[in-house]
């Protein structure tokens, strides 16, 4: 999904709740060709790609290409990882 897809109305200012409640916002940077190793989160999370290009994959055979503005909702207790195609920056909200 891409953030632009959330705002389809013809209004000058629009809002859309993506995720509640949020306790932590974490900045993550992954170098080109590197990986955020497979792990599990115990609570729901939202991963937003700020820049770069990467592939999010999980144990449910889900593979999602992430570019600037794309995001993925991460379910709790599901193993997942992120592989950077190029230098990539993310915001992790959980």
PDB file of N, CA and C in Angstrom:
ATOM      1  N   UNK A   1       0.833  -1.172   0.000  1.00  0.00           N
ATOM      2  CA  UNK A   1       0.000   0.000   0.000  1.00  0.00           C
ATOM      3  C   UNK A   1       0.879   1.237   0.000  1.00  0.00           C
ATOM      4  N   UNK A   2       0.341   2.336  -0.521  1.00  0.00           N
ATOM      5  CA  UNK A   2       1.083   3.586  -0.556  1.00  0.00           C
ATOM      6  C   UNK A   2       0.268   4.662   0.139  1.00  0.00           C
ATOM      7  N   UNK A   3       0.948   5.556   0.841  1.00  0.00           N
ATOM      8  CA  UNK A   3       0.274   6.620   1.579  1.00  0.00           C
ATOM      9  C   UNK A   3      -0.633   7.461   0.696  1.00  0.00           C
ATOM     10  N   UNK A   4      -0.256   7.678  -0.546  1.00  0.00           N
ATOM     11  CA  UNK A   4      -1.077   8.481  -1.458  1.00  0.00           C
ATOM     12  C   UNK A   4      -2.445   7.845  -1.686  1.00  0.00           C
ATOM     13  N   UNK A   5      -2.521   6.519  -1.630  1.00  0.00           N
ATOM     14  CA  UNK A   5      -3.784   5.820  -1.873  1.00  0.00           C
ATOM     15  C   UNK A   5      -4.806   6.055  -0.763  1.00  0.00           C
ATOM     16  N   UNK A   6      -4.357   6.533   0.387  1.00  0.00           N
ATOM     17  CA  UNK A   6      -5.263   6.786   1.504  1.00  0.00           C
ATOM     18  C   UNK A   6      -6.051   8.078   1.335  1.00  0.00           C
ATOM     19  N   UNK A   7      -5.592   8.949   0.468  1.00  0.00           N
ATOM     20  CA  UNK A   7      -6.175  10.283   0.333  1.00  0.00           C
ATOM     21  C   UNK A   7      -6.731  10.467  -1.075  1.00  0.00           C
ATOM     22  N   UNK A   8      -7.984  10.048  -1.248  1.00  0.00           N
ATOM     23  CA  UNK A   8      -8.585  10.065  -2.578  1.00  0.00           C
ATOM     24  C   UNK A   8      -9.646  11.148  -2.748  1.00  0.00           C
ATOM     25  N   UNK A   9      -9.993  11.813  -1.647  1.00  0.00           N
ATOM     26  CA  UNK A   9     -11.001  12.865  -1.728  1.00  0.00           C
ATOM     27  C   UNK A   9     -10.393  14.125  -2.332  1.00  0.00           C
ATOM     28  N   UNK A  10     -11.236  15.012  -2.852  1.00  0.00           N
ATOM     29  CA  UNK A  10     -10.756  16.246  -3.462  1.00  0.00           C
ATOM     30  C   UNK A  10     -10.608  17.377  -2.463  1.00  0.00           C
ATOM     31  N   UNK A  11     -10.172  17.059  -1.242  1.00  0.00           N
ATOM     32  CA  UNK A  11     -10.002  18.080  -0.207  1.00  0.00           C
ATOM     33  C   UNK A  11      -8.558  18.565  -0.166  1.00  0.00           C
ATOM     34  N   UNK A  12      -8.365  19.820   0.256  1.00  0.00           N
ATOM     35  CA  UNK A  12      -7.016  20.385   0.354  1.00  0.00           C
ATOM     36  C   UNK A  12      -6.223  19.737   1.486  1.00  0.00           C
ATOM     37  N   UNK A  13      -6.897  19.385   2.581  1.00  0.00           N
ATOM     38  CA  UNK A  13      -6.245  18.747   3.725  1.00  0.00           C
ATOM     39  C   UNK A  13      -7.060  17.509   4.088  1.00  0.00           C
ATOM     40  N   UNK A  14      -6.377  16.375   4.181  1.00  0.00           N
ATOM     41  CA  UNK A  14      -7.049  15.121   4.503  1.00  0.00           C
ATOM     42  C   UNK A  14      -6.274  14.379   5.581  1.00  0.00           C
ATOM     43  N   UNK A  15      -6.983  13.608   6.406  1.00  0.00           N
ATOM     44  CA  UNK A  15      -6.340  12.766   7.406  1.00  0.00           C
ATOM     45  C   UNK A  15      -6.890  11.353   7.295  1.00  0.00           C
ATOM     46  N   UNK A  16      -6.096  10.397   7.794  1.00  0.00           N
ATOM     47  CA  UNK A  16      -6.518   9.009   7.811  1.00  0.00           C
ATOM     48  C   UNK A  16      -5.731   8.307   8.908  1.00  0.00           C
ATOM     49  N   UNK A  17      -6.420   7.727   9.863  1.00  0.00           N
ATOM     50  CA  UNK A  17      -5.752   7.008  10.949  1.00  0.00           C
ATOM     51  C   UNK A  17      -5.222   5.692  10.399  1.00  0.00           C
ATOM     52  N   UNK A  18      -3.913   5.482  10.528  1.00  0.00           N
ATOM     53  CA  UNK A  18      -3.283   4.262  10.034  1.00  0.00           C
ATOM     54  C   UNK A  18      -3.124   3.212  11.119  1.00  0.00           C
ATOM     55  N   UNK A  19      -2.922   3.680  12.346  1.00  0.00           N
ATOM     56  CA  UNK A  19      -2.479   2.759  13.375  1.00  0.00           C
ATOM     57  C   UNK A  19      -2.736   3.372  14.735  1.00  0.00           C
ATOM     58  N   UNK A  20      -3.377   2.633  15.638  1.00  0.00           N
ATOM     59  CA  UNK A  20      -3.529   3.090  17.009  1.00  0.00           C
ATOM     60  C   UNK A  20      -3.406   1.902  17.939  1.00  0.00           C
ATOM     61  N   UNK A  21      -3.033   2.036  19.150  1.00  0.00           N
ATOM     62  CA  UNK A  21      -2.298   3.184  19.681  1.00  0.00           C
ATOM     63  C   UNK A  21      -0.813   3.034  19.389  1.00  0.00           C
ATOM     64  N   UNK A  22      -0.102   4.113  19.395  1.00  0.00           N
ATOM     65  CA  UNK A  22       1.336   4.081  19.126  1.00  0.00           C
ATOM     66  C   UNK A  22       2.102   4.486  20.380  1.00  0.00           C
ATOM     67  N   UNK A  23       3.088   3.702  20.723  1.00  0.00           N
ATOM     68  CA  UNK A  23       3.928   4.016  21.875  1.00  0.00           C
ATOM     69  C   UNK A  23       5.357   4.321  21.447  1.00  0.00           C
ATOM     70  N   UNK A  24       5.784   3.749  20.343  1.00  0.00           N
ATOM     71  CA  UNK A  24       7.155   3.939  19.880  1.00  0.00           C
ATOM     72  C   UNK A  24       7.178   4.215  18.384  1.00  0.00           C
ATOM     73  N   UNK A  25       8.013   5.154  17.992  1.00  0.00           N
ATOM     74  CA  UNK A  25       8.300   5.389  16.584  1.00  0.00           C
ATOM     75  C   UNK A  25       9.815   5.256  16.454  1.00  0.00           C
ATOM     76  N   UNK A  26      10.262   4.306  15.641  1.00  0.00           N
ATOM     77  CA  UNK A  26      11.675   3.973  15.524  1.00  0.00           C
ATOM     78  C   UNK A  26      12.141   4.206  14.101  1.00  0.00           C
ATOM     79  N   UNK A  27      13.270   4.866  13.945  1.00  0.00           N
ATOM     80  CA  UNK A  27      13.878   5.063  12.631  1.00  0.00           C
ATOM     81  C   UNK A  27      14.826   3.899  12.368  1.00  0.00           C
ATOM     82  N   UNK A  28      14.701   3.307  11.181  1.00  0.00           N
ATOM     83  CA  UNK A  28      15.563   2.186  10.784  1.00  0.00           C
ATOM     84  C   UNK A  28      16.203   2.514   9.444  1.00  0.00           C
ATOM     85  N   UNK A  29      17.494   2.268   9.331  1.00  0.00           N
ATOM     86  CA  UNK A  29      18.193   2.403   8.051  1.00  0.00           C
ATOM     87  C   UNK A  29      18.872   1.083   7.744  1.00  0.00           C
ATOM     88  N   UNK A  30      18.701   0.603   6.515  1.00  0.00           N
ATOM     89  CA  UNK A  30      19.321  -0.650   6.087  1.00  0.00           C
ATOM     90  C   UNK A  30      20.132  -0.361   4.830  1.00  0.00           C
ATOM     91  N   UNK A  31      21.410  -0.712   4.855  1.00  0.00           N
ATOM     92  CA  UNK A  31      22.300  -0.477   3.714  1.00  0.00           C
ATOM     93  C   UNK A  31      21.927  -1.383   2.543  1.00  0.00           C
ATOM     94  N   UNK A  32      22.262  -0.935   1.351  1.00  0.00           N
ATOM     95  CA  UNK A  32      22.012  -1.692   0.123  1.00  0.00           C
ATOM     96  C   UNK A  32      22.565  -3.110   0.256  1.00  0.00           C
ATOM     97  N   UNK A  33      21.726  -4.097  -0.074  1.00  0.00           N
ATOM     98  CA  UNK A  33      22.155  -5.488  -0.039  1.00  0.00           C
ATOM     99  C   UNK A  33      22.153  -6.121   1.344  1.00  0.00           C
ATOM    100  N   UNK A  34      21.780  -5.361   2.361  1.00  0.00           N
ATOM    101  CA  UNK A  34      21.763  -5.887   3.730  1.00  0.00           C
ATOM    102  C   UNK A  34      20.346  -6.271   4.127  1.00  0.00           C
ATOM    103  N   UNK A  35      20.223  -6.877   5.319  1.00  0.00           N
ATOM    104  CA  UNK A  35      18.945  -7.416   5.757  1.00  0.00           C
ATOM    105  C   UNK A  35      18.678  -7.098   7.227  1.00  0.00           C
ATOM    106  N   UNK A  36      17.439  -6.723   7.514  1.00  0.00           N
ATOM    107  CA  UNK A  36      16.970  -6.713   8.890  1.00  0.00           C
ATOM    108  C   UNK A  36      16.538  -8.143   9.140  1.00  0.00           C
ATOM    109  N   UNK A  37      17.320  -8.869   9.920  1.00  0.00           N
ATOM    110  CA  UNK A  37      17.155 -10.315  10.056  1.00  0.00           C
ATOM    111  C   UNK A  37      15.770 -10.709  10.561  1.00  0.00           C
ATOM    112  N   UNK A  38      15.383 -11.914  10.214  1.00  0.00           N
ATOM    113  CA  UNK A  38      14.082 -12.449  10.590  1.00  0.00           C
ATOM    114  C   UNK A  38      13.875 -12.367  12.102  1.00  0.00           C
ATOM    115  N   UNK A  39      12.698 -11.889  12.484  1.00  0.00           N
ATOM    116  CA  UNK A  39      12.362 -11.730  13.892  1.00  0.00           C
ATOM    117  C   UNK A  39      10.841 -11.685  14.051  1.00  0.00           C
ATOM    118  N   UNK A  40      10.393 -11.637  15.293  1.00  0.00           N
ATOM    119  CA  UNK A  40       8.965 -11.580  15.616  1.00  0.00           C
ATOM    120  C   UNK A  40       8.724 -10.355  16.482  1.00  0.00           C
ATOM    121  N   UNK A  41       7.601  -9.690  16.260  1.00  0.00           N
ATOM    122  CA  UNK A  41       7.163  -8.629  17.156  1.00  0.00           C
ATOM    123  C   UNK A  41       5.957  -9.154  17.932  1.00  0.00           C
ATOM    124  N   UNK A  42       5.877  -8.817  19.190  1.00  0.00           N
ATOM    125  CA  UNK A  42       4.786  -9.314  20.029  1.00  0.00           C
ATOM    126  C   UNK A  42       3.542  -8.438  19.958  1.00  0.00           C
ATOM    127  N   UNK A  43       3.690  -7.250  19.361  1.00  0.00           N
ATOM    128  CA  UNK A  43       2.547  -6.351  19.213  1.00  0.00           C
ATOM    129  C   UNK A  43       2.439  -5.915  17.750  1.00  0.00           C
ATOM    130  N   UNK A  44       1.260  -5.495  17.300  1.00  0.00           N
ATOM    131  CA  UNK A  44       1.130  -5.041  15.914  1.00  0.00           C
ATOM    132  C   UNK A  44       2.073  -3.871  15.636  1.00  0.00           C
ATOM    133  N   UNK A  45       2.525  -3.758  14.403  1.00  0.00           N
ATOM    134  CA  UNK A  45       3.430  -2.681  14.021  1.00  0.00           C
ATOM    135  C   UNK A  45       3.110  -2.219  12.608  1.00  0.00           C
ATOM    136  N   UNK A  46       3.547  -1.010  12.314  1.00  0.00           N
ATOM    137  CA  UNK A  46       3.383  -0.435  10.981  1.00  0.00           C
ATOM    138  C   UNK A  46       4.765  -0.027  10.502  1.00  0.00           C
ATOM    139  N   UNK A  47       5.203  -0.556   9.355  1.00  0.00           N
ATOM    140  CA  UNK A  47       6.502  -0.227   8.779  1.00  0.00           C
ATOM    141  C   UNK A  47       6.270   0.666   7.566  1.00  0.00           C
ATOM    142  N   UNK A  48       6.809   1.894   7.625  1.00  0.00           N
ATOM    143  CA  UNK A  48       6.639   2.867   6.548  1.00  0.00           C
ATOM    144  C   UNK A  48       7.983   3.108   5.882  1.00  0.00           C
ATOM    145  N   UNK A  49       8.057   2.911   4.570  1.00  0.00           N
ATOM    146  CA  UNK A  49       9.283   3.180   3.825  1.00  0.00           C
ATOM    147  C   UNK A  49       9.342   4.682   3.522  1.00  0.00           C
ATOM    148  N   UNK A  50      10.374   5.334   4.016  1.00  0.00           N
ATOM    149  CA  UNK A  50      10.560   6.768   3.805  1.00  0.00           C
ATOM    150  C   UNK A  50      11.372   7.012   2.535  1.00  0.00           C
ATOM    151  N   UNK A  51      12.386   6.177   2.320  1.00  0.00           N
ATOM    152  CA  UNK A  51      13.209   6.301   1.115  1.00  0.00           C
ATOM    153  C   UNK A  51      13.847   4.967   0.799  1.00  0.00           C
ATOM    154  N   UNK A  52      14.277   4.811  -0.450  1.00  0.00           N
ATOM    155  CA  UNK A  52      14.942   3.586  -0.868  1.00  0.00           C
ATOM    156  C   UNK A  52      13.977   2.563  -1.431  1.00  0.00           C
ATOM    157  N   UNK A  53      14.454   1.310  -1.462  1.00  0.00           N
ATOM    158  CA  UNK A  53      13.646   0.200  -1.971  1.00  0.00           C
ATOM    159  C   UNK A  53      14.038  -1.063  -1.231  1.00  0.00           C
ATOM    160  N   UNK A  54      13.032  -1.821  -0.799  1.00  0.00           N
ATOM    161  CA  UNK A  54      13.286  -3.034  -0.027  1.00  0.00           C
ATOM    162  C   UNK A  54      12.147  -4.024  -0.250  1.00  0.00           C
ATOM    163  N   UNK A  55      12.371  -5.254   0.214  1.00  0.00           N
ATOM    164  CA  UNK A  55      11.363  -6.303   0.150  1.00  0.00           C
ATOM    165  C   UNK A  55      11.058  -6.757   1.575  1.00  0.00           C
ATOM    166  N   UNK A  56       9.790  -6.668   1.950  1.00  0.00           N
ATOM    167  CA  UNK A  56       9.322  -7.212   3.226  1.00  0.00           C
ATOM    168  C   UNK A  56       8.798  -8.608   2.948  1.00  0.00           C
ATOM    169  N   UNK A  57       9.189  -9.588   3.748  1.00  0.00           N
ATOM    170  CA  UNK A  57       8.646 -10.940   3.587  1.00  0.00           C
ATOM    171  C   UNK A  57       8.384 -11.542   4.961  1.00  0.00           C
ATOM    172  N   UNK A  58       7.398 -12.450   5.007  1.00  0.00           N
ATOM    173  CA  UNK A  58       7.085 -13.089   6.284  1.00  0.00           C
ATOM    174  C   UNK A  58       6.862 -14.584   6.106  1.00  0.00           C
ATOM    175  N   UNK A  59       6.662 -15.274   7.223  1.00  0.00           N
ATOM    176  CA  UNK A  59       6.521 -16.727   7.213  1.00  0.00           C
ATOM    177  C   UNK A  59       5.226 -17.195   6.562  1.00  0.00           C
ATOM    178  N   UNK A  60       4.315 -16.285   6.273  1.00  0.00           N
ATOM    179  CA  UNK A  60       3.070 -16.630   5.582  1.00  0.00           C
ATOM    180  C   UNK A  60       3.207 -16.491   4.072  1.00  0.00           C
ATOM    181  N   UNK A  61       4.442 -16.459   3.585  1.00  0.00           N
ATOM    182  CA  UNK A  61       4.767 -16.352   2.152  1.00  0.00           C
ATOM    183  C   UNK A  61       4.344 -15.011   1.555  1.00  0.00           C
ATOM    184  N   UNK A  62       4.173 -14.007   2.391  1.00  0.00           N
ATOM    185  CA  UNK A  62       3.858 -12.670   1.913  1.00  0.00           C
ATOM    186  C   UNK A  62       5.163 -11.968   1.524  1.00  0.00           C
ATOM    187  N   UNK A  63       5.227 -11.425   0.310  1.00  0.00           N
ATOM    188  CA  UNK A  63       6.385 -10.660  -0.161  1.00  0.00           C
ATOM    189  C   UNK A  63       5.863  -9.343  -0.695  1.00  0.00           C
ATOM    190  N   UNK A  64       6.339  -8.247  -0.100  1.00  0.00           N
ATOM    191  CA  UNK A  64       5.839  -6.929  -0.477  1.00  0.00           C
ATOM    192  C   UNK A  64       7.011  -6.031  -0.824  1.00  0.00           C
ATOM    193  N   UNK A  65       6.964  -5.454  -2.012  1.00  0.00           N
ATOM    194  CA  UNK A  65       7.977  -4.490  -2.435  1.00  0.00           C
ATOM    195  C   UNK A  65       7.643  -3.149  -1.796  1.00  0.00           C
ATOM    196  N   UNK A  66       8.631  -2.527  -1.163  1.00  0.00           N
ATOM    197  CA  UNK A  66       8.438  -1.248  -0.489  1.00  0.00           C
ATOM    198  C   UNK A  66       9.324  -0.182  -1.115  1.00  0.00           C
ATOM    199  N   UNK A  67       8.701   0.920  -1.533  1.00  0.00           N
ATOM    200  CA  UNK A  67       9.411   2.106  -2.014  1.00  0.00           C
ATOM    201  C   UNK A  67       8.879   3.293  -1.241  1.00  0.00           C
ATOM    202  N   UNK A  68       9.458   4.452  -1.436  1.00  0.00           N
ATOM    203  CA  UNK A  68       9.076   5.648  -0.706  1.00  0.00           C
ATOM    204  C   UNK A  68       7.555   5.821  -0.658  1.00  0.00           C
ATOM    205  N   UNK A  69       7.016   5.927   0.553  1.00  0.00           N
ATOM    206  CA  UNK A  69       5.590   6.117   0.749  1.00  0.00           C
ATOM    207  C   UNK A  69       4.815   4.831   0.955  1.00  0.00           C
ATOM    208  N   UNK A  70       5.420   3.675   0.675  1.00  0.00           N
ATOM    209  CA  UNK A  70       4.743   2.401   0.874  1.00  0.00           C
ATOM    210  C   UNK A  70       4.820   1.987   2.341  1.00  0.00           C
ATOM    211  N   UNK A  71       3.824   1.223   2.773  1.00  0.00           N
ATOM    212  CA  UNK A  71       3.831   0.737   4.145  1.00  0.00           C
ATOM    213  C   UNK A  71       3.237  -0.662   4.199  1.00  0.00           C
ATOM    214  N   UNK A  72       3.514  -1.345   5.312  1.00  0.00           N
ATOM    215  CA  UNK A  72       2.958  -2.668   5.540  1.00  0.00           C
ATOM    216  C   UNK A  72       2.592  -2.771   7.018  1.00  0.00           C
ATOM    217  N   UNK A  73       1.435  -3.391   7.277  1.00  0.00           N
ATOM    218  CA  UNK A  73       1.026  -3.664   8.651  1.00  0.00           C
ATOM    219  C   UNK A  73       1.601  -5.025   9.027  1.00  0.00           C
ATOM    220  N   UNK A  74       2.333  -5.064  10.128  1.00  0.00           N
ATOM    221  CA  UNK A  74       2.987  -6.292  10.578  1.00  0.00           C
ATOM    222  C   UNK A  74       2.167  -6.900  11.711  1.00  0.00           C
ATOM    223  N   UNK A  75       1.728  -8.123  11.495  1.00  0.00           N
ATOM    224  CA  UNK A  75       0.931  -8.827  12.494  1.00  0.00           C
ATOM    225  C   UNK A  75       1.835  -9.336  13.618  1.00  0.00           C
ATOM    226  N   UNK A  76       1.329  -9.371  14.836  1.00  0.00           N
ATOM    227  CA  UNK A  76       2.125  -9.904  15.947  1.00  0.00           C
ATOM    228  C   UNK A  76       2.371 -11.401  15.792  1.00  0.00           C
ATOM    229  N   UNK A  77       3.488 -11.849  16.318  1.00  0.00           N
ATOM    230  CA  UNK A  77       3.865 -13.265  16.370  1.00  0.00           C
ATOM    231  C   UNK A  77       4.022 -13.929  14.997  1.00  0.00           C
ATOM    232  N   UNK A  78       4.362 -13.142  13.989  1.00  0.00           N
ATOM    233  CA  UNK A  78       4.630 -13.674  12.651  1.00  0.00           C
ATOM    234  C   UNK A  78       6.079 -13.321  12.299  1.00  0.00           C
ATOM    235  N   UNK A  79       6.903 -14.331  12.022  1.00  0.00           N
ATOM    236  CA  UNK A  79       8.295 -14.077  11.640  1.00  0.00           C
ATOM    237  C   UNK A  79       8.328 -13.278  10.349  1.00  0.00           C
ATOM    238  N   UNK A  80       9.199 -12.271  10.324  1.00  0.00           N
ATOM    239  CA  UNK A  80       9.325 -11.432   9.131  1.00  0.00           C
ATOM    240  C   UNK A  80      10.737 -10.874   9.043  1.00  0.00           C
ATOM    241  N   UNK A  81      11.082 -10.362   7.845  1.00  0.00           N
ATOM    242  CA  UNK A  81      12.395  -9.755   7.628  1.00  0.00           C
ATOM    243  C   UNK A  81      12.259  -8.697   6.535  1.00  0.00           C
ATOM    244  N   UNK A  82      13.302  -7.864   6.411  1.00  0.00           N
ATOM    245  CA  UNK A  82      13.333  -6.835   5.375  1.00  0.00           C
ATOM    246  C   UNK A  82      14.683  -6.893   4.682  1.00  0.00           C
ATOM    247  N   UNK A  83      14.673  -7.023   3.346  1.00  0.00           N
ATOM    248  CA  UNK A  83      15.894  -7.051   2.534  1.00  0.00           C
ATOM    249  C   UNK A  83      15.969  -5.756   1.731  1.00  0.00           C
ATOM    250  N   UNK A  84      17.061  -5.004   1.901  1.00  0.00           N
ATOM    251  CA  UNK A  84      17.213  -3.727   1.205  1.00  0.00           C
ATOM    252  C   UNK A  84      17.782  -3.943  -0.200  1.00  0.00           C
ATOM    253  N   UNK A  85      17.059  -3.453  -1.189  1.00  0.00           N
ATOM    254  CA  UNK A  85      17.531  -3.479  -2.570  1.00  0.00           C
ATOM    255  C   UNK A  85      18.519  -2.325  -2.777  1.00  0.00           C
ATOM    256  N   UNK A  86      18.227  -1.202  -2.137  1.00  0.00           N
ATOM    257  CA  UNK A  86      19.124  -0.040  -2.124  1.00  0.00           C
ATOM    258  C   UNK A  86      19.080   0.547  -0.716  1.00  0.00           C
ATOM    259  N   UNK A  87      19.945   1.500  -0.427  1.00  0.00           N
ATOM    260  CA  UNK A  87      19.939   2.141   0.885  1.00  0.00           C
ATOM    261  C   UNK A  87      18.512   2.576   1.192  1.00  0.00           C
ATOM    262  N   UNK A  88      17.976   2.146   2.337  1.00  0.00           N
ATOM    263  CA  UNK A  88      16.570   2.385   2.650  1.00  0.00           C
ATOM    264  C   UNK A  88      16.390   2.883   4.080  1.00  0.00           C
ATOM    265  N   UNK A  89      15.420   3.773   4.243  1.00  0.00           N
ATOM    266  CA  UNK A  89      15.076   4.325   5.546  1.00  0.00           C
ATOM    267  C   UNK A  89      13.594   4.069   5.816  1.00  0.00           C
ATOM    268  N   UNK A  90      13.297   3.694   7.058  1.00  0.00           N
ATOM    269  CA  UNK A  90      11.942   3.338   7.456  1.00  0.00           C
ATOM    270  C   UNK A  90      11.580   3.992   8.781  1.00  0.00           C
ATOM    271  N   UNK A  91      10.280   4.129   9.007  1.00  0.00           N
ATOM    272  CA  UNK A  91       9.752   4.435  10.311  1.00  0.00           C
ATOM    273  C   UNK A  91       8.969   3.211  10.749  1.00  0.00           C
ATOM    274  N   UNK A  92       9.274   2.699  11.936  1.00  0.00           N
ATOM    275  CA  UNK A  92       8.562   1.576  12.516  1.00  0.00           C
ATOM    276  C   UNK A  92       7.724   2.139  13.654  1.00  0.00           C
ATOM    277  N   UNK A  93       6.411   1.936  13.562  1.00  0.00           N
ATOM    278  CA  UNK A  93       5.489   2.471  14.562  1.00  0.00           C
ATOM    279  C   UNK A  93       4.845   1.291  15.262  1.00  0.00           C
ATOM    280  N   UNK A  94       5.033   1.249  16.588  1.00  0.00           N
ATOM    281  CA  UNK A  94       4.394   0.170  17.360  1.00  0.00           C
ATOM    282  C   UNK A  94       4.132   0.613  18.779  1.00  0.00           C
TER     283      UNK A  94
END
